[in-house]
Amino acid sequence: MSDKSPDLATNLPEFSVSELSRALKRTVEDTYPYVRVRGELSGFKRAASGHLYMTLKDENAVLDAVCWRGTAGRLSIAPEDGLEVICTGKLTTYPGRSKYQIVVEQMEMAGEGALLKLLEDRRKKLAAEGLFDDSRKRELPFLPEVIGVVTSPTGAVIRDILHRLSDRFPRHVLLWPVLVQGDGAADQVTAAIEGFNGIDPGGPVPRPDLIIVARGGGSLEDLWAFNEENVVRAAAASDIPLISAVGHETDTTLIDFASDRRAPTPTAAAEMAVPVRAELQASVLDNERRMIAAMHRMVDDRRLRVEGLARGLPDLDSLIGTQQQRLDGEDERLRNAMQSLLRDRGQQVAHWAAQIKPPQQVLFETQTRVAQSAKDLTAAMRRYLDGQDNRAARIVDRFEPALVERQTDTAAQQLKAAGALLESLSFRRVLDRGYAVVRDTDGNAVMTAATLQTGDSVLVEFSDGRVGADITTTDAPPEPAKKPASRKPKAKAGASGKAKADGRQGSLL
C-alpha cells in the first residue's frame, strides 16, 4: 500500500508526451541558443532532399548533427567521414526520436581526423610493400562454377547477391558467415579468406573459383574492420581472385586496394562475378547469325568474282574449234605421209630383194672359198714346219755334249756336299752320342725343367726311337720372367767366308 495520499499525487502537474517534448525543446534551445562544437565527423550522408545528416564525436560522447539544404550549399568545406571540424549552430531536440541534436549553420576544418590519419598512414605503409600494385591483381574467371561469399548471414547483402546471381547466371554459392563490424570482425574475415584458399581442389567441399567480400554501407567506424592490416594482407595473398564490395559507392576501405576488383555495391559484385545468361545466349546466337551471314556473303562474293572472271575468258567452242580444225589437218597430213612412207619402203624392199642371190648359189660360193682357204693354210703350215725342222737341226749340231756332262757332274757334287753338311748339323748326330730330346704331349721340345710340373707326361726321343715318361719330382727353381729379346747383330763372315757358329748350337756339338 502506497504511503502517498491520493491528494498529494493529484497535486503534480500532468503533461502529455508532446507537451513534455516541447518543454524540453524550449529549455534546450533557450539554454544553448548558439554554440560551437568540435568533434570528428562520422556517418555522413546526404539525403535526397538535400539535407545533411552526420554525427560529431570525441572519445567519450556522440552528438547528432543536421544541416538544412539552404545552409548546406553555403558551407565552406565538403563534409566527409573522419574530418575533425568545428560546427557552429544551435542545439535543439527531435521529439520524434527523443534525441537532441545540433543544427549546423557553419562548419570549419579543425584538423585531420584521427581515424583518417591512421587510415592514411596504414595505406601508405601497405602501398610501400607493394600490396596494392596492379601487377599483383588477377583476372576474374569468365564463368566461375563456385563462388565463395564472405559476409553476414543475416543481412540483406547475401540476399542481394543470391538474387542477382539467380537473375544473371545461377551459380553454386558457398557462404562463410562472419561479423562485418565490431570486435572480432577483422579476424573472422581474415579466417574466411584464408579458409576458402585452404580448401583442397577435388575434395568433398568444392573450392571456390571466386571470392566476394561484401558488406552494406555504414560509417567509417562501422567499416573499420575492412581497414585492418590482417584483412588487407589476407586479401592480397589470396590465390583465388577476390572482389571487394564493402559499403556503398562513396565508401572506400583498404581491402578495396588489395582486392583484384572493387565493386561499388554487393549487387554490383554479383554482376561482375557472372555474365547474364540471356545476354550470353543472345551473344552466341548473334555471333552464329553473323558468322553464317558472313559465310554467305563470302560465298556470294566469291561466286560473283568467279562469274566475272568467267566472263573475261574467250568462248570455249571458238577457242577449241580452231585447234580442232588444225588437228584435223595435221591428221590428214600424217595419214598421207604414212602411206607415202609405206610405198617408199616397199619399193626399197623389192629392190633389195632383187639383189639377193639364191641360197644354193651362196652356199656353193662359200664352200668353194672354204676349200681354197684350207688348201692355202695347209701349204703354209708345211712351209712353217719345214723351216722349224731345219732350225732345230742347226741347234743340235752346235750343242757340245761334253759341256753338258761337265755341268751335270758339278751340280751333283754340290748337292752331295750340301747333304753331308746338313746331315752333320742334324740333332740326330747329337742323339747318336747319347743325348736325348724331351718333348711334351704336343711334340714341342721342352727347353727348361721349370716348365714341367709333377704328374706331366713327356716323350723322350733317343737316336733309335721314343719312349713315354711321367714327371715324378721337380727341383728346378721357378722359371724367371722372360726379358724382351734384344736384337743381336748379325755374325760377321770369317776369312773362310762362313758365319761364326751360334753359341748354343756350338755347346750341343
Protein backbone atom coordinates (compact mmCIF):
# COMPACT_ATOMS: atom_id res chain seq x y z
CA MET A 1 0.00 0.00 0.00
CA SER A 2 1.47 3.37 -1.06
CA ASP A 3 2.45 5.87 1.62
CA LYS A 4 1.48 8.77 -0.68
CA SER A 5 -2.01 10.01 -0.36
CA PRO A 6 -4.18 10.41 -3.43
CA ASP A 7 -4.42 14.10 -2.85
CA LEU A 8 -0.65 14.54 -2.99
CA ALA A 9 -0.43 12.66 -6.34
CA THR A 10 -3.08 14.78 -7.89
CA ASN A 11 -1.22 17.98 -7.00
CA LEU A 12 1.62 17.16 -9.54
CA PRO A 13 1.10 18.76 -12.96
CA GLU A 14 0.23 16.27 -15.68
CA PHE A 15 1.94 16.57 -19.10
CA SER A 16 1.28 14.85 -22.33
CA VAL A 17 4.22 13.49 -24.25
CA SER A 18 4.05 16.30 -26.77
CA GLU A 19 3.83 18.92 -24.08
CA LEU A 20 6.83 17.50 -22.26
CA SER A 21 8.81 17.28 -25.53
CA ARG A 22 8.01 20.90 -26.38
CA ALA A 23 9.00 21.99 -22.89
CA LEU A 24 12.33 20.17 -23.16
CA LYS A 25 12.85 21.66 -26.61
CA ARG A 26 12.33 25.20 -25.34
CA THR A 27 14.61 24.56 -22.40
CA VAL A 28 17.44 23.27 -24.58
CA GLU A 29 17.06 25.97 -27.21
CA ASP A 30 16.85 28.75 -24.61
CA THR A 31 19.83 27.46 -22.68
CA TYR A 32 22.07 26.82 -25.74
CA PRO A 33 20.85 29.23 -28.44
CA TYR A 34 24.24 29.47 -30.16
CA VAL A 35 27.19 27.06 -29.60
CA ARG A 36 30.48 25.96 -31.21
CA VAL A 37 31.21 22.24 -31.00
CA ARG A 38 34.43 20.48 -32.01
CA GLY A 39 34.39 16.83 -32.99
CA GLU A 40 35.07 14.24 -35.67
CA LEU A 41 32.54 13.69 -38.43
CA SER A 42 31.17 10.19 -38.80
CA GLY A 43 28.24 8.56 -40.58
CA PHE A 44 27.90 11.43 -43.04
CA LYS A 45 25.13 11.11 -45.63
CA ARG A 46 23.25 13.41 -47.95
CA ALA A 47 19.51 12.87 -48.17
CA ALA A 48 17.54 13.12 -51.40
CA SER A 49 16.02 16.34 -50.07
CA GLY A 50 19.50 17.91 -49.89
CA HIS A 51 19.72 17.93 -46.08
CA LEU A 52 22.96 16.67 -44.50
CA TYR A 53 22.96 14.22 -41.61
CA MET A 54 26.05 13.31 -39.62
CA THR A 55 27.46 12.64 -36.17
CA LEU A 56 30.02 14.60 -34.15
CA LYS A 57 32.03 12.50 -31.75
CA ASP A 58 35.01 12.53 -29.48
CA GLU A 59 36.50 9.94 -27.16
CA ASN A 60 33.51 9.75 -24.81
CA ALA A 61 30.34 11.12 -26.43
CA VAL A 62 28.38 11.38 -29.67
CA LEU A 63 26.25 14.30 -30.86
CA ASP A 64 23.88 14.09 -33.81
CA ALA A 65 24.04 16.95 -36.30
CA VAL A 66 21.86 18.14 -39.15
CA CYS A 67 22.45 20.80 -41.78
CA TRP A 68 19.47 22.04 -43.75
CA ARG A 69 19.60 22.25 -47.52
CA GLY A 70 19.73 26.04 -47.63
CA THR A 71 22.75 26.10 -45.33
CA ALA A 72 24.50 23.08 -46.89
CA GLY A 73 25.18 24.96 -50.09
CA ARG A 74 26.97 27.75 -48.19
CA LEU A 75 29.33 25.55 -46.19
CA SER A 76 33.00 26.36 -46.74
CA ILE A 77 34.11 22.67 -46.69
CA ALA A 78 32.68 19.44 -48.03
CA PRO A 79 31.82 17.20 -45.07
CA GLU A 80 33.16 13.65 -45.09
CA ASP A 81 33.82 10.96 -42.55
CA GLY A 82 36.91 11.32 -40.42
CA LEU A 83 37.26 15.09 -40.65
CA GLU A 84 37.78 16.91 -37.42
CA VAL A 85 35.62 20.06 -37.66
CA ILE A 86 34.18 22.87 -35.62
CA CYS A 87 30.44 23.26 -36.11
CA THR A 88 28.57 26.42 -35.15
CA GLY A 89 24.80 26.33 -34.59
CA LYS A 90 22.07 25.88 -32.04
CA LEU A 91 21.01 22.89 -30.03
CA THR A 92 17.52 21.54 -30.42
CA THR A 93 15.62 18.35 -29.86
CA TYR A 94 13.90 15.94 -32.22
CA PRO A 95 10.75 14.87 -30.42
CA GLY A 96 10.05 12.10 -32.92
CA ARG A 97 13.01 10.11 -31.58
CA SER A 98 13.58 11.66 -28.19
CA LYS A 99 17.09 12.86 -29.04
CA TYR A 100 18.90 16.12 -29.15
CA GLN A 101 21.00 17.45 -31.99
CA ILE A 102 22.80 20.49 -33.25
CA VAL A 103 21.55 22.38 -36.26
CA VAL A 104 24.75 23.32 -38.11
CA GLU A 105 24.94 26.79 -39.61
CA GLN A 106 28.71 26.99 -40.14
CA MET A 107 31.45 24.38 -40.43
CA GLU A 108 35.19 24.81 -40.50
CA MET A 109 38.13 22.44 -40.51
CA ALA A 110 39.58 21.77 -37.07
CA GLY A 111 42.29 19.31 -38.18
CA GLU A 112 42.67 15.90 -39.77
CA GLY A 113 40.60 13.26 -38.06
CA ALA A 114 42.43 10.66 -36.02
CA LEU A 115 40.85 7.72 -37.82
CA LEU A 116 41.55 9.13 -41.25
CA LYS A 117 45.14 9.87 -40.29
CA LEU A 118 45.57 6.32 -39.06
CA LEU A 119 43.93 5.03 -42.22
CA GLU A 120 46.18 7.11 -44.46
CA ASP A 121 49.33 6.06 -42.60
CA ARG A 122 48.34 2.41 -42.92
CA ARG A 123 47.54 2.82 -46.61
CA LYS A 124 50.96 4.34 -47.30
CA LYS A 125 52.71 1.56 -45.38
CA LEU A 126 50.93 -1.25 -47.22
CA ALA A 127 51.33 0.50 -50.57
CA ALA A 128 55.08 0.75 -49.98
CA GLU A 129 55.15 -3.04 -49.53
CA GLY A 130 53.59 -3.46 -52.97
CA LEU A 131 50.31 -4.98 -51.78
CA PHE A 132 48.31 -2.57 -53.95
CA ASP A 133 50.35 -2.97 -57.17
CA ASP A 134 48.40 -3.66 -60.33
CA SER A 135 50.86 -6.43 -61.24
CA ARG A 136 49.51 -8.49 -58.32
CA LYS A 137 45.92 -8.34 -59.49
CA ARG A 138 44.49 -11.38 -61.31
CA GLU A 139 41.85 -11.62 -63.99
CA LEU A 140 38.43 -12.73 -62.82
CA PRO A 141 37.15 -16.05 -64.23
CA PHE A 142 34.62 -15.55 -67.01
CA LEU A 143 32.11 -18.03 -65.58
CA PRO A 144 33.07 -19.40 -62.14
CA GLU A 145 31.50 -22.70 -61.12
CA VAL A 146 31.64 -21.96 -57.37
CA ILE A 147 31.55 -18.51 -55.72
CA GLY A 148 32.58 -18.03 -52.10
CA VAL A 149 30.88 -15.14 -50.24
CA VAL A 150 32.27 -13.68 -47.02
CA THR A 151 29.56 -11.64 -45.28
CA SER A 152 26.95 -11.68 -42.53
CA PRO A 153 24.37 -14.46 -42.96
CA THR A 154 21.53 -12.31 -41.58
CA GLY A 155 21.97 -9.09 -43.54
CA ALA A 156 20.45 -8.03 -46.81
CA VAL A 157 23.80 -8.32 -48.57
CA ILE A 158 23.72 -12.11 -49.06
CA ARG A 159 20.13 -11.95 -50.26
CA ASP A 160 21.01 -9.25 -52.79
CA ILE A 161 23.95 -11.28 -54.08
CA LEU A 162 21.94 -14.51 -54.37
CA HIS A 163 19.06 -12.72 -56.04
CA ARG A 164 21.36 -11.03 -58.53
CA LEU A 165 23.20 -14.25 -59.33
CA SER A 166 19.89 -16.03 -59.85
CA ASP A 167 18.77 -13.34 -62.29
CA ARG A 168 22.01 -13.29 -64.28
CA PHE A 169 23.52 -16.78 -64.20
CA PRO A 170 22.79 -19.15 -61.27
CA ARG A 171 25.98 -20.49 -59.71
CA HIS A 172 26.85 -22.64 -56.71
CA VAL A 173 27.47 -20.28 -53.73
CA LEU A 174 29.40 -21.07 -50.55
CA LEU A 175 28.69 -18.68 -47.65
CA TRP A 176 31.29 -18.16 -44.91
CA PRO A 177 29.35 -16.32 -42.18
CA VAL A 178 31.33 -13.60 -40.37
CA LEU A 179 30.81 -10.48 -38.31
CA VAL A 180 31.09 -7.41 -40.50
CA GLN A 181 31.69 -4.86 -37.74
CA GLY A 182 32.72 -4.71 -34.13
CA ASP A 183 35.23 -6.72 -32.13
CA GLY A 184 36.49 -9.86 -33.82
CA ALA A 185 35.10 -8.93 -37.24
CA ALA A 186 38.53 -8.45 -38.82
CA ASP A 187 39.82 -11.79 -37.51
CA GLN A 188 36.76 -13.61 -38.84
CA VAL A 189 37.04 -12.02 -42.29
CA THR A 190 40.75 -12.93 -42.41
CA ALA A 191 39.98 -16.51 -41.38
CA ALA A 192 37.26 -16.75 -44.05
CA ILE A 193 39.56 -15.63 -46.88
CA GLU A 194 42.33 -17.97 -45.76
CA GLY A 195 39.80 -20.79 -45.24
CA PHE A 196 38.49 -20.56 -48.79
CA ASN A 197 42.07 -20.63 -50.10
CA GLY A 198 42.83 -23.64 -47.91
CA ILE A 199 40.15 -25.87 -49.46
CA ASP A 200 41.76 -28.66 -51.48
CA PRO A 201 40.57 -28.95 -55.08
CA GLY A 202 38.55 -32.10 -55.68
CA GLY A 203 37.63 -32.52 -52.01
CA PRO A 204 34.16 -33.01 -50.55
CA VAL A 205 33.73 -29.23 -50.31
CA PRO A 206 34.23 -27.55 -53.69
CA ARG A 207 36.96 -24.92 -53.85
CA PRO A 208 35.63 -21.51 -54.94
CA ASP A 209 36.75 -20.07 -58.25
CA LEU A 210 35.96 -16.55 -57.00
CA ILE A 211 35.58 -14.86 -53.58
CA ILE A 212 33.30 -11.91 -52.80
CA VAL A 213 33.87 -9.98 -49.54
CA ALA A 214 30.76 -7.89 -49.03
CA ARG A 215 29.13 -5.58 -46.50
CA GLY A 216 26.48 -2.89 -46.60
CA GLY A 217 27.10 0.80 -46.08
CA GLY A 218 27.95 2.44 -42.78
CA SER A 219 30.12 4.96 -41.05
CA LEU A 220 33.88 4.86 -41.01
CA GLU A 221 33.76 3.11 -37.65
CA ASP A 222 31.32 0.51 -38.96
CA LEU A 223 33.58 -0.28 -41.91
CA TRP A 224 36.81 -0.17 -39.92
CA ALA A 225 37.18 -3.97 -39.81
CA PHE A 226 37.93 -3.93 -43.53
CA ASN A 227 40.74 -1.42 -42.95
CA GLU A 228 42.58 -3.73 -40.56
CA GLU A 229 46.01 -4.84 -41.67
CA ASN A 230 45.38 -8.58 -41.33
CA VAL A 231 42.32 -8.37 -43.60
CA VAL A 232 44.23 -6.41 -46.24
CA ARG A 233 47.15 -8.85 -46.19
CA ALA A 234 44.84 -11.86 -46.46
CA ALA A 235 43.10 -10.31 -49.48
CA ALA A 236 46.45 -9.55 -51.17
CA ALA A 237 47.76 -13.09 -50.51
CA SER A 238 44.65 -14.85 -51.79
CA ASP A 239 45.32 -17.30 -54.61
CA ILE A 240 41.65 -17.12 -55.58
CA PRO A 241 40.56 -13.92 -57.39
CA LEU A 242 38.75 -11.64 -54.93
CA ILE A 243 36.11 -8.92 -55.34
CA SER A 244 35.63 -6.41 -52.52
CA ALA A 245 32.13 -4.96 -52.14
CA VAL A 246 32.27 -3.09 -48.85
CA GLY A 247 29.90 -0.19 -48.24
CA HIS A 248 28.33 1.98 -50.88
CA GLU A 249 29.89 3.59 -53.91
CA THR A 250 31.36 6.51 -51.92
CA ASP A 251 32.83 4.27 -49.22
CA THR A 252 36.47 3.26 -49.61
CA THR A 253 38.36 0.77 -47.47
CA LEU A 254 41.88 -0.61 -47.69
CA ILE A 255 40.63 -4.02 -48.81
CA ASP A 256 39.45 -2.30 -52.00
CA PHE A 257 43.07 -1.51 -52.90
CA ALA A 258 44.30 -5.07 -52.22
CA SER A 259 41.45 -6.91 -53.96
CA ASP A 260 41.59 -7.91 -57.62
CA ARG A 261 38.43 -5.93 -58.38
CA ARG A 262 36.41 -3.38 -56.39
CA ALA A 263 32.63 -3.29 -56.69
CA PRO A 264 30.70 -0.19 -55.59
CA THR A 265 27.95 -2.34 -54.03
CA PRO A 266 27.37 -6.04 -53.24
CA THR A 267 24.86 -6.19 -56.09
CA ALA A 268 27.50 -4.84 -58.47
CA ALA A 269 29.90 -7.53 -57.21
CA ALA A 270 27.42 -10.22 -58.26
CA GLU A 271 27.15 -8.56 -61.66
CA MET A 272 30.95 -8.62 -62.01
CA ALA A 273 31.12 -12.26 -60.98
CA VAL A 274 28.94 -13.75 -63.72
CA PRO A 275 27.65 -12.68 -67.12
CA VAL A 276 23.97 -12.50 -67.94
CA ARG A 277 22.98 -15.90 -69.28
CA ALA A 278 20.32 -14.49 -71.55
CA GLU A 279 22.75 -11.92 -72.91
CA LEU A 280 25.39 -14.61 -73.33
CA GLN A 281 22.96 -16.83 -75.19
CA ALA A 282 21.87 -13.88 -77.30
CA SER A 283 25.50 -13.02 -77.97
CA VAL A 284 26.25 -16.59 -79.04
CA LEU A 285 23.21 -16.66 -81.29
CA ASP A 286 24.08 -13.26 -82.68
CA ASN A 287 27.64 -14.40 -83.37
CA GLU A 288 26.24 -17.51 -85.03
CA ARG A 289 23.97 -15.43 -87.25
CA ARG A 290 26.77 -13.04 -88.06
CA MET A 291 29.12 -15.90 -88.88
CA ILE A 292 26.55 -17.56 -91.14
CA ALA A 293 25.78 -14.23 -92.82
CA ALA A 294 29.50 -13.60 -93.27
CA MET A 295 29.93 -17.04 -94.83
CA HIS A 296 27.03 -16.40 -97.19
CA ARG A 297 28.46 -13.02 -98.11
CA MET A 298 31.88 -14.53 -98.70
CA VAL A 299 30.42 -17.33 -100.86
CA ASP A 300 28.33 -14.84 -102.83
CA ASP A 301 31.34 -12.58 -103.27
CA ARG A 302 33.49 -15.49 -104.47
CA ARG A 303 30.74 -16.64 -106.83
CA LEU A 304 30.36 -13.17 -108.32
CA ARG A 305 34.11 -12.92 -108.66
CA VAL A 306 34.31 -16.28 -110.44
CA GLU A 307 31.44 -15.31 -112.72
CA GLY A 308 33.21 -12.05 -113.54
CA LEU A 309 36.43 -13.89 -114.30
CA ALA A 310 34.50 -16.39 -116.40
CA ARG A 311 33.02 -13.61 -118.47
CA GLY A 312 36.51 -12.41 -119.27
CA LEU A 313 37.52 -15.79 -120.70
CA PRO A 314 37.20 -16.44 -124.51
CA ASP A 315 34.43 -18.66 -125.87
CA LEU A 316 35.36 -22.29 -125.33
CA ASP A 317 33.92 -23.53 -128.64
CA SER A 318 35.73 -20.92 -130.68
CA LEU A 319 38.94 -21.45 -128.74
CA ILE A 320 38.87 -25.22 -129.17
CA GLY A 321 37.35 -25.18 -132.68
CA THR A 322 40.39 -23.55 -134.24
CA GLN A 323 42.74 -26.00 -132.63
CA GLN A 324 40.47 -28.92 -133.55
CA GLN A 325 40.46 -27.81 -137.17
CA ARG A 326 44.24 -27.59 -137.07
CA LEU A 327 44.40 -31.06 -135.55
CA ASP A 328 42.22 -32.48 -138.32
CA GLY A 329 44.57 -31.00 -140.95
CA GLU A 330 47.63 -32.44 -139.25
CA ASP A 331 45.91 -35.81 -139.00
CA GLU A 332 45.22 -35.86 -142.74
CA ARG A 333 48.82 -34.89 -143.48
CA LEU A 334 50.05 -37.63 -141.18
CA ARG A 335 47.92 -40.26 -142.93
CA ASN A 336 49.22 -39.19 -146.34
CA ALA A 337 52.80 -39.17 -145.07
CA MET A 338 52.38 -42.69 -143.64
CA GLN A 339 51.04 -44.02 -146.94
CA SER A 340 53.87 -42.39 -148.89
CA LEU A 341 56.42 -43.79 -146.44
CA LEU A 342 55.00 -47.29 -146.75
CA ARG A 343 55.18 -47.10 -150.56
CA ASP A 344 58.80 -45.96 -150.44
CA ARG A 345 59.77 -48.68 -148.00
CA GLY A 346 58.03 -51.30 -150.17
CA GLN A 347 59.95 -50.21 -153.24
CA GLN A 348 63.25 -50.36 -151.31
CA VAL A 349 62.48 -53.84 -150.05
CA ALA A 350 61.64 -55.02 -153.59
CA HIS A 351 64.91 -53.53 -154.87
CA TRP A 352 66.91 -55.21 -152.12
CA ALA A 353 65.11 -58.49 -152.67
CA ALA A 354 66.04 -58.43 -156.38
CA GLN A 355 69.72 -58.08 -155.44
CA ILE A 356 69.76 -61.06 -153.05
CA LYS A 357 71.36 -64.30 -154.50
CA PRO A 358 69.65 -67.67 -154.20
CA PRO A 359 70.68 -69.73 -151.13
CA GLN A 360 72.11 -72.60 -153.27
CA GLN A 361 74.41 -70.18 -155.09
CA VAL A 362 75.54 -68.52 -151.83
CA LEU A 363 76.24 -71.97 -150.31
CA PHE A 364 78.24 -73.14 -153.31
CA GLU A 365 80.35 -69.99 -153.38
CA THR A 366 81.01 -70.27 -149.65
CA GLN A 367 82.08 -73.91 -149.93
CA THR A 368 84.44 -73.02 -152.74
CA ARG A 369 86.06 -70.23 -150.67
CA VAL A 370 86.43 -72.52 -147.64
CA ALA A 371 88.11 -75.27 -149.72
CA GLN A 372 90.54 -72.79 -151.23
CA SER A 373 91.35 -71.33 -147.78
CA ALA A 374 92.04 -74.88 -146.44
CA LYS A 375 94.48 -75.56 -149.26
CA ASP A 376 96.30 -72.29 -148.65
CA LEU A 377 96.53 -72.98 -144.89
CA THR A 378 97.91 -76.50 -145.42
CA ALA A 379 100.63 -75.24 -147.70
CA ALA A 380 101.58 -72.51 -145.24
CA MET A 381 101.79 -74.98 -142.33
CA ARG A 382 104.05 -77.28 -144.36
CA ARG A 383 106.38 -74.42 -145.17
CA TYR A 384 106.49 -73.37 -141.48
CA LEU A 385 107.23 -76.88 -140.24
CA ASP A 386 109.98 -77.35 -142.78
CA GLY A 387 111.60 -74.15 -141.57
CA GLN A 388 111.37 -75.22 -137.90
CA ASP A 389 112.92 -78.61 -138.64
CA ASN A 390 115.88 -77.00 -140.30
CA ARG A 391 116.39 -74.63 -137.34
CA ALA A 392 116.31 -77.48 -134.78
CA ALA A 393 118.88 -79.42 -136.79
CA ARG A 394 121.24 -76.47 -136.78
CA ILE A 395 120.88 -76.05 -132.94
CA VAL A 396 121.61 -79.72 -132.30
CA ASP A 397 124.65 -79.56 -134.47
CA ARG A 398 126.03 -76.64 -132.40
CA PHE A 399 125.36 -78.35 -128.97
CA GLU A 400 128.50 -79.81 -127.19
CA PRO A 401 127.81 -82.99 -125.30
CA ALA A 402 130.95 -82.69 -123.16
CA LEU A 403 129.85 -79.34 -121.72
CA VAL A 404 126.52 -80.77 -120.61
CA GLU A 405 128.20 -83.70 -118.91
CA ARG A 406 130.64 -81.40 -117.11
CA GLN A 407 127.83 -79.14 -115.76
CA THR A 408 125.89 -82.18 -114.59
CA ASP A 409 128.85 -83.52 -112.62
CA THR A 410 129.43 -80.16 -110.93
CA ALA A 411 125.83 -79.89 -109.81
CA ALA A 412 125.86 -83.45 -108.41
CA GLN A 413 128.97 -82.74 -106.37
CA GLN A 414 127.47 -79.55 -104.91
CA LEU A 415 124.28 -81.38 -103.96
CA LYS A 416 126.25 -84.18 -102.27
CA ALA A 417 128.31 -81.67 -100.23
CA ALA A 418 125.18 -79.82 -99.10
CA GLY A 419 123.58 -83.12 -97.99
CA ALA A 420 126.65 -84.07 -95.99
CA LEU A 421 126.75 -80.66 -94.28
CA LEU A 422 123.05 -80.89 -93.46
CA GLU A 423 123.48 -84.38 -92.03
CA SER A 424 126.39 -83.22 -89.84
CA LEU A 425 124.32 -80.35 -88.46
CA SER A 426 121.28 -82.55 -87.64
CA PHE A 427 120.41 -83.00 -83.98
CA ARG A 428 120.31 -86.76 -84.54
CA ARG A 429 124.08 -86.81 -84.64
CA VAL A 430 123.93 -85.47 -81.08
CA LEU A 431 121.46 -88.22 -80.17
CA ASP A 432 123.95 -90.80 -81.56
CA ARG A 433 126.44 -89.59 -78.93
CA GLY A 434 123.99 -90.48 -76.08
CA TYR A 435 121.89 -87.36 -75.73
CA ALA A 436 118.04 -87.29 -75.79
CA VAL A 437 115.32 -84.76 -76.65
CA VAL A 438 112.38 -84.26 -74.23
CA ARG A 439 109.07 -83.31 -75.82
CA ASP A 440 105.60 -82.60 -74.38
CA THR A 441 102.50 -84.44 -75.49
CA ASP A 442 102.06 -81.96 -78.36
CA GLY A 443 105.51 -82.76 -79.73
CA ASN A 444 107.10 -79.45 -78.72
CA ALA A 445 110.63 -79.55 -77.29
CA VAL A 446 110.90 -78.88 -73.53
CA MET A 447 113.73 -76.34 -73.12
CA THR A 448 113.83 -75.95 -69.29
CA ALA A 449 112.85 -78.03 -66.28
CA ALA A 450 110.91 -75.15 -64.81
CA THR A 451 108.23 -75.60 -67.48
CA LEU A 452 107.33 -79.07 -66.16
CA GLN A 453 105.30 -79.99 -63.11
CA THR A 454 104.83 -83.21 -61.16
CA GLY A 455 102.42 -85.51 -62.99
CA ASP A 456 103.09 -84.10 -66.50
CA SER A 457 103.59 -86.65 -69.32
CA VAL A 458 106.52 -86.29 -71.73
CA LEU A 459 108.13 -88.12 -74.68
CA VAL A 460 111.86 -88.84 -74.58
CA GLU A 461 113.40 -89.21 -78.04
CA PHE A 462 116.63 -91.27 -78.46
CA SER A 463 118.56 -91.96 -81.61
CA ASP A 464 116.72 -95.27 -82.13
CA GLY A 465 113.18 -94.24 -81.07
CA ARG A 466 110.84 -92.59 -78.48
CA VAL A 467 109.64 -93.64 -75.01
CA GLY A 468 106.95 -92.11 -72.77
CA ALA A 469 107.62 -90.87 -69.21
CA ASP A 470 105.81 -89.16 -66.30
CA ILE A 471 107.38 -86.41 -64.17
CA THR A 472 107.52 -87.59 -60.50
CA THR A 473 109.65 -84.88 -58.91
CA THR A 474 110.90 -81.41 -59.81
CA ASP A 475 113.65 -79.50 -58.02
CA ALA A 476 114.32 -76.77 -60.55
CA PRO A 477 113.77 -73.14 -59.40
CA PRO A 478 110.82 -71.28 -60.92
CA GLU A 479 111.47 -70.03 -64.39
CA PRO A 480 112.36 -66.30 -64.27
CA ALA A 481 110.29 -63.85 -66.21
CA LYS A 482 111.49 -63.63 -69.74
CA LYS A 483 113.07 -60.39 -70.75
CA PRO A 484 112.32 -58.92 -74.13
CA ALA A 485 114.77 -60.40 -76.58
CA SER A 486 117.24 -57.82 -77.75
CA ARG A 487 118.15 -57.77 -81.37
CA LYS A 488 121.60 -59.26 -81.77
CA PRO A 489 123.91 -58.08 -84.52
CA LYS A 490 124.45 -60.44 -87.39
CA ALA A 491 127.60 -62.54 -87.25
CA LYS A 492 130.35 -61.33 -89.48
CA ALA A 493 131.83 -63.65 -92.04
CA GLY A 494 135.28 -65.04 -91.30
CA ALA A 495 138.20 -65.29 -93.59
CA SER A 496 136.78 -68.51 -94.99
CA GLY A 497 133.52 -66.76 -95.90
CA LYS A 498 131.44 -68.72 -93.31
CA ALA A 499 129.48 -67.09 -90.46
CA LYS A 500 130.52 -67.75 -86.90
CA ALA A 501 128.67 -70.67 -85.34
CA ASP A 502 125.75 -69.97 -82.94
CA GLY A 503 126.87 -70.26 -79.34
CA ARG A 504 124.02 -72.53 -78.28
CA GLN A 505 124.48 -74.86 -81.26
CA GLY A 506 128.17 -75.00 -80.52
CA SER A 507 127.52 -76.17 -76.96
CA LEU A 508 125.36 -79.03 -78.26
CA LEU A 509 128.07 -80.20 -80.68
